[in-house]
Amino acid sequence: MYTLGCMFVKPQFHRMSSLFREANAVPISGLVVTFRSSVTEHVETVELLRDIPEIVIGDSVGSKLAIVVDSETQRRDQEIWNTVQHLPGVIDLAVAMVVFDENDPNRK
C-alpha cells in the first residue's frame, strides 16, 4: 500500500480521470464535500450520501463534510465522485488523500 499524497482538486479538473487510468490498484479516497451552506442545512443530501454503500461519512465543520470512498473498481470510484459532485447543494469536491491498495486479493 502506498499513498499518493495530498492534493486538492476542483470537480471539473480534467486530470482526475487520468489519475485513475494510471493506477493499477483500487483507490480508497478521502474527500471533502463543500456545500453551499452549513452541512446541517443539507440533511437530505447527506442521507443520499449515506445510501451509497461505498461511502463512509466523516466529520463536518461548517459547510465541509469529510467522506471516504472505498469501492471495488476504479470505474465505480469515478462514478461515485461524479454522483457526489452533482448532488443538491454540493458546490465543490476536494481530494484530501488517495491510497491505492494493491495488497488486497479480494479486490478486482
N, C-alpha and C. Protein backbone atom coordinates (compact mmCIF):
# COMPACT_ATOMS: atom_id res chain seq x y z
N MET A 1 0.84 -1.16 0.00
CA MET A 1 0.00 0.00 0.00
C MET A 1 0.90 1.23 0.00
N TYR A 2 0.54 2.23 -0.79
CA TYR A 2 1.29 3.47 -0.77
C TYR A 2 0.36 4.65 -0.96
N THR A 3 0.77 5.79 -0.47
CA THR A 3 -0.06 6.98 -0.52
C THR A 3 0.41 7.87 -1.65
N LEU A 4 -0.53 8.38 -2.41
CA LEU A 4 -0.21 9.29 -3.49
C LEU A 4 0.11 10.67 -2.95
N GLY A 5 -0.34 10.97 -1.76
CA GLY A 5 -0.08 12.27 -1.18
C GLY A 5 -1.33 13.13 -1.21
N CYS A 6 -1.23 14.29 -0.63
CA CYS A 6 -2.37 15.19 -0.56
C CYS A 6 -2.39 16.10 -1.77
N MET A 7 -3.58 16.28 -2.32
CA MET A 7 -3.78 17.23 -3.39
C MET A 7 -5.23 17.68 -3.35
N PHE A 8 -5.48 18.84 -3.85
CA PHE A 8 -6.82 19.37 -3.86
C PHE A 8 -7.25 19.57 -5.30
N VAL A 9 -8.44 19.10 -5.62
CA VAL A 9 -8.90 19.06 -6.99
C VAL A 9 -10.29 19.66 -7.07
N LYS A 10 -10.52 20.51 -8.04
CA LYS A 10 -11.86 21.02 -8.33
C LYS A 10 -12.64 19.92 -9.03
N PRO A 11 -13.97 19.87 -8.91
CA PRO A 11 -14.74 18.82 -9.56
C PRO A 11 -14.56 18.78 -11.07
N GLN A 12 -14.31 19.91 -11.71
CA GLN A 12 -14.17 19.96 -13.15
C GLN A 12 -12.75 19.64 -13.60
N PHE A 13 -11.86 19.36 -12.72
CA PHE A 13 -10.44 19.15 -13.02
C PHE A 13 -10.29 17.94 -13.93
N HIS A 14 -9.85 18.14 -15.15
CA HIS A 14 -9.83 17.09 -16.16
C HIS A 14 -8.78 16.01 -15.91
N ARG A 15 -7.75 16.26 -15.13
CA ARG A 15 -6.73 15.24 -14.87
C ARG A 15 -7.21 14.19 -13.86
N MET A 16 -8.34 14.43 -13.21
CA MET A 16 -8.84 13.49 -12.21
C MET A 16 -9.01 12.10 -12.82
N SER A 17 -9.58 12.01 -14.02
CA SER A 17 -9.79 10.70 -14.63
C SER A 17 -8.46 10.06 -15.02
N SER A 18 -7.47 10.86 -15.41
CA SER A 18 -6.18 10.28 -15.77
C SER A 18 -5.48 9.69 -14.55
N LEU A 19 -5.77 10.23 -13.37
CA LEU A 19 -5.21 9.68 -12.14
C LEU A 19 -5.61 8.22 -11.98
N PHE A 20 -6.86 7.90 -12.31
CA PHE A 20 -7.34 6.54 -12.17
C PHE A 20 -6.82 5.63 -13.26
N ARG A 21 -6.65 6.13 -14.47
CA ARG A 21 -6.12 5.31 -15.56
C ARG A 21 -4.68 4.89 -15.29
N GLU A 22 -3.91 5.75 -14.63
CA GLU A 22 -2.51 5.47 -14.37
C GLU A 22 -2.31 4.46 -13.25
N ALA A 23 -3.28 4.30 -12.41
CA ALA A 23 -3.13 3.43 -11.25
C ALA A 23 -3.54 2.00 -11.60
N ASN A 24 -2.80 1.04 -11.12
CA ASN A 24 -3.13 -0.36 -11.33
C ASN A 24 -3.93 -0.93 -10.17
N ALA A 25 -3.97 -0.24 -9.07
CA ALA A 25 -4.65 -0.72 -7.87
C ALA A 25 -5.95 0.05 -7.67
N VAL A 26 -6.74 -0.44 -6.73
CA VAL A 26 -8.03 0.18 -6.43
C VAL A 26 -7.83 1.32 -5.43
N PRO A 27 -8.39 2.49 -5.73
CA PRO A 27 -8.20 3.63 -4.83
C PRO A 27 -9.19 3.64 -3.67
N ILE A 28 -8.70 4.13 -2.56
CA ILE A 28 -9.53 4.48 -1.41
C ILE A 28 -9.34 5.98 -1.28
N SER A 29 -10.43 6.73 -1.41
CA SER A 29 -10.34 8.18 -1.49
C SER A 29 -10.88 8.87 -0.25
N GLY A 30 -10.12 9.79 0.29
CA GLY A 30 -10.59 10.67 1.35
C GLY A 30 -10.95 12.00 0.69
N LEU A 31 -12.21 12.37 0.74
CA LEU A 31 -12.70 13.56 0.04
C LEU A 31 -13.34 14.54 1.01
N VAL A 32 -13.37 15.81 0.60
CA VAL A 32 -14.07 16.83 1.37
C VAL A 32 -15.15 17.41 0.46
N VAL A 33 -16.39 17.25 0.88
CA VAL A 33 -17.53 17.79 0.15
C VAL A 33 -17.83 19.16 0.73
N THR A 34 -17.93 20.17 -0.14
CA THR A 34 -18.29 21.51 0.30
C THR A 34 -19.70 21.82 -0.19
N PHE A 35 -20.54 22.22 0.76
CA PHE A 35 -21.92 22.58 0.46
C PHE A 35 -22.07 24.09 0.32
N ARG A 36 -23.16 24.49 -0.29
CA ARG A 36 -23.48 25.91 -0.48
C ARG A 36 -23.62 26.64 0.86
N SER A 37 -24.06 25.92 1.88
CA SER A 37 -24.24 26.47 3.23
C SER A 37 -23.88 25.38 4.23
N SER A 38 -24.19 25.58 5.47
CA SER A 38 -23.83 24.62 6.52
C SER A 38 -24.34 23.22 6.19
N VAL A 39 -23.53 22.22 6.52
CA VAL A 39 -23.89 20.82 6.28
C VAL A 39 -25.23 20.50 6.95
N THR A 40 -25.49 21.09 8.09
CA THR A 40 -26.74 20.82 8.82
C THR A 40 -27.98 21.25 8.03
N GLU A 41 -27.80 22.11 7.04
CA GLU A 41 -28.92 22.55 6.20
C GLU A 41 -29.13 21.62 4.99
N HIS A 42 -28.32 20.58 4.87
CA HIS A 42 -28.38 19.67 3.71
C HIS A 42 -28.58 18.23 4.15
N VAL A 43 -29.53 18.05 5.07
CA VAL A 43 -29.80 16.72 5.65
C VAL A 43 -30.16 15.70 4.56
N GLU A 44 -30.99 16.09 3.60
CA GLU A 44 -31.42 15.15 2.56
C GLU A 44 -30.24 14.70 1.70
N THR A 45 -29.35 15.62 1.39
CA THR A 45 -28.18 15.26 0.58
C THR A 45 -27.24 14.35 1.36
N VAL A 46 -27.06 14.63 2.64
CA VAL A 46 -26.21 13.76 3.48
C VAL A 46 -26.82 12.36 3.54
N GLU A 47 -28.14 12.27 3.59
CA GLU A 47 -28.80 10.96 3.59
C GLU A 47 -28.57 10.24 2.26
N LEU A 48 -28.57 10.99 1.15
CA LEU A 48 -28.26 10.38 -0.15
C LEU A 48 -26.84 9.81 -0.15
N LEU A 49 -25.91 10.53 0.48
CA LEU A 49 -24.54 10.04 0.60
C LEU A 49 -24.50 8.76 1.42
N ARG A 50 -25.26 8.73 2.51
CA ARG A 50 -25.30 7.54 3.37
C ARG A 50 -25.86 6.32 2.63
N ASP A 51 -26.72 6.56 1.64
CA ASP A 51 -27.32 5.46 0.88
C ASP A 51 -26.35 4.80 -0.09
N ILE A 52 -25.21 5.43 -0.34
CA ILE A 52 -24.21 4.85 -1.23
C ILE A 52 -23.32 3.95 -0.36
N PRO A 53 -23.39 2.63 -0.57
CA PRO A 53 -22.70 1.70 0.35
C PRO A 53 -21.19 1.88 0.42
N GLU A 54 -20.57 2.40 -0.61
CA GLU A 54 -19.11 2.55 -0.62
C GLU A 54 -18.63 3.81 0.10
N ILE A 55 -19.57 4.63 0.58
CA ILE A 55 -19.20 5.89 1.25
C ILE A 55 -19.35 5.75 2.76
N VAL A 56 -18.34 6.22 3.46
CA VAL A 56 -18.38 6.36 4.92
C VAL A 56 -18.36 7.86 5.20
N ILE A 57 -19.34 8.31 5.98
CA ILE A 57 -19.45 9.73 6.33
C ILE A 57 -18.55 10.03 7.52
N GLY A 58 -17.79 11.10 7.40
CA GLY A 58 -16.92 11.52 8.49
C GLY A 58 -17.46 12.75 9.19
N ASP A 59 -16.56 13.53 9.75
CA ASP A 59 -16.92 14.74 10.49
C ASP A 59 -17.31 15.86 9.55
N SER A 60 -18.06 16.81 10.10
CA SER A 60 -18.40 18.02 9.34
C SER A 60 -18.09 19.24 10.19
N VAL A 61 -17.70 20.30 9.49
CA VAL A 61 -17.46 21.59 10.12
C VAL A 61 -17.96 22.65 9.15
N GLY A 62 -18.93 23.44 9.60
CA GLY A 62 -19.47 24.48 8.73
C GLY A 62 -20.08 23.88 7.48
N SER A 63 -19.56 24.26 6.33
CA SER A 63 -20.09 23.78 5.05
C SER A 63 -19.29 22.60 4.50
N LYS A 64 -18.36 22.05 5.26
CA LYS A 64 -17.49 20.98 4.79
C LYS A 64 -17.82 19.65 5.47
N LEU A 65 -17.82 18.59 4.67
CA LEU A 65 -18.11 17.24 5.16
C LEU A 65 -17.05 16.29 4.63
N ALA A 66 -16.41 15.55 5.51
CA ALA A 66 -15.41 14.55 5.13
C ALA A 66 -16.11 13.24 4.81
N ILE A 67 -15.68 12.62 3.70
CA ILE A 67 -16.20 11.29 3.34
C ILE A 67 -15.02 10.42 2.87
N VAL A 68 -15.22 9.10 2.96
CA VAL A 68 -14.26 8.14 2.43
C VAL A 68 -15.00 7.28 1.43
N VAL A 69 -14.40 7.10 0.25
CA VAL A 69 -14.97 6.25 -0.78
C VAL A 69 -14.05 5.04 -0.94
N ASP A 70 -14.61 3.85 -0.73
CA ASP A 70 -13.86 2.59 -0.85
C ASP A 70 -14.69 1.66 -1.72
N SER A 71 -14.37 1.62 -3.01
CA SER A 71 -15.16 0.82 -3.94
C SER A 71 -14.35 -0.33 -4.51
N GLU A 72 -15.03 -1.22 -5.21
CA GLU A 72 -14.39 -2.42 -5.75
C GLU A 72 -13.61 -2.18 -7.03
N THR A 73 -13.97 -1.15 -7.79
CA THR A 73 -13.30 -0.88 -9.06
C THR A 73 -13.02 0.61 -9.20
N GLN A 74 -12.05 0.92 -10.03
CA GLN A 74 -11.74 2.32 -10.30
C GLN A 74 -12.90 3.00 -11.01
N ARG A 75 -13.57 2.27 -11.88
CA ARG A 75 -14.72 2.83 -12.60
C ARG A 75 -15.83 3.22 -11.62
N ARG A 76 -16.12 2.34 -10.67
CA ARG A 76 -17.16 2.64 -9.66
C ARG A 76 -16.75 3.83 -8.82
N ASP A 77 -15.49 3.92 -8.48
CA ASP A 77 -14.99 5.05 -7.70
C ASP A 77 -15.26 6.35 -8.45
N GLN A 78 -14.96 6.39 -9.73
CA GLN A 78 -15.19 7.59 -10.53
C GLN A 78 -16.67 7.89 -10.63
N GLU A 79 -17.52 6.88 -10.77
CA GLU A 79 -18.98 7.08 -10.81
C GLU A 79 -19.46 7.75 -9.53
N ILE A 80 -18.94 7.30 -8.40
CA ILE A 80 -19.33 7.88 -7.11
C ILE A 80 -18.90 9.33 -7.04
N TRP A 81 -17.67 9.63 -7.44
CA TRP A 81 -17.19 11.03 -7.43
C TRP A 81 -18.12 11.89 -8.27
N ASN A 82 -18.48 11.41 -9.46
CA ASN A 82 -19.36 12.18 -10.35
C ASN A 82 -20.74 12.39 -9.72
N THR A 83 -21.25 11.36 -9.08
CA THR A 83 -22.55 11.46 -8.43
C THR A 83 -22.52 12.49 -7.31
N VAL A 84 -21.50 12.43 -6.46
CA VAL A 84 -21.39 13.36 -5.33
C VAL A 84 -21.32 14.80 -5.83
N GLN A 85 -20.56 15.04 -6.88
CA GLN A 85 -20.40 16.39 -7.42
C GLN A 85 -21.72 17.00 -7.87
N HIS A 86 -22.68 16.16 -8.25
CA HIS A 86 -23.95 16.65 -8.78
C HIS A 86 -25.11 16.59 -7.79
N LEU A 87 -24.83 16.26 -6.54
CA LEU A 87 -25.90 16.22 -5.54
C LEU A 87 -26.35 17.64 -5.18
N PRO A 88 -27.61 17.77 -4.78
CA PRO A 88 -28.13 19.10 -4.42
C PRO A 88 -27.31 19.76 -3.32
N GLY A 89 -26.93 21.02 -3.54
CA GLY A 89 -26.22 21.80 -2.54
C GLY A 89 -24.72 21.66 -2.57
N VAL A 90 -24.18 20.67 -3.30
CA VAL A 90 -22.73 20.46 -3.37
C VAL A 90 -22.14 21.46 -4.36
N ILE A 91 -21.15 22.23 -3.88
CA ILE A 91 -20.51 23.21 -4.76
C ILE A 91 -19.06 22.87 -5.07
N ASP A 92 -18.47 21.92 -4.32
CA ASP A 92 -17.08 21.56 -4.57
C ASP A 92 -16.80 20.19 -3.97
N LEU A 93 -15.84 19.51 -4.58
CA LEU A 93 -15.38 18.23 -4.08
C LEU A 93 -13.86 18.27 -4.15
N ALA A 94 -13.21 18.14 -3.00
CA ALA A 94 -11.75 18.22 -2.94
C ALA A 94 -11.18 16.89 -2.49
N VAL A 95 -10.06 16.53 -3.07
CA VAL A 95 -9.36 15.30 -2.70
C VAL A 95 -8.42 15.61 -1.55
N ALA A 96 -8.59 14.92 -0.44
CA ALA A 96 -7.68 15.08 0.69
C ALA A 96 -6.58 14.02 0.63
N MET A 97 -6.94 12.82 0.12
CA MET A 97 -5.99 11.72 0.09
C MET A 97 -6.51 10.64 -0.84
N VAL A 98 -5.61 9.97 -1.55
CA VAL A 98 -5.95 8.78 -2.31
C VAL A 98 -4.88 7.73 -2.00
N VAL A 99 -5.33 6.56 -1.59
CA VAL A 99 -4.44 5.44 -1.31
C VAL A 99 -4.80 4.34 -2.29
N PHE A 100 -3.79 3.72 -2.87
CA PHE A 100 -4.03 2.62 -3.79
C PHE A 100 -3.67 1.32 -3.09
N ASP A 101 -4.68 0.50 -2.85
CA ASP A 101 -4.50 -0.76 -2.14
C ASP A 101 -4.19 -1.86 -3.14
N GLU A 102 -2.94 -2.26 -3.22
CA GLU A 102 -2.52 -3.31 -4.14
C GLU A 102 -2.45 -4.67 -3.48
N ASN A 103 -2.57 -4.73 -2.17
CA ASN A 103 -2.33 -5.98 -1.45
C ASN A 103 -3.56 -6.79 -1.13
N ASP A 104 -4.75 -6.25 -1.39
CA ASP A 104 -5.96 -6.95 -1.04
C ASP A 104 -6.35 -7.92 -2.17
N PRO A 105 -6.21 -9.23 -1.97
CA PRO A 105 -6.51 -10.19 -3.03
C PRO A 105 -7.99 -10.29 -3.36
N ASN A 106 -8.87 -9.78 -2.49
CA ASN A 106 -10.31 -9.85 -2.72
C ASN A 106 -10.78 -8.78 -3.69
N ARG A 107 -9.97 -7.80 -3.94
CA ARG A 107 -10.35 -6.71 -4.84
C ARG A 107 -10.06 -7.09 -6.27
N LYS A 108 -10.89 -6.55 -7.18
CA LYS A 108 -10.73 -6.83 -8.61
C LYS A 108 -10.22 -5.62 -9.31
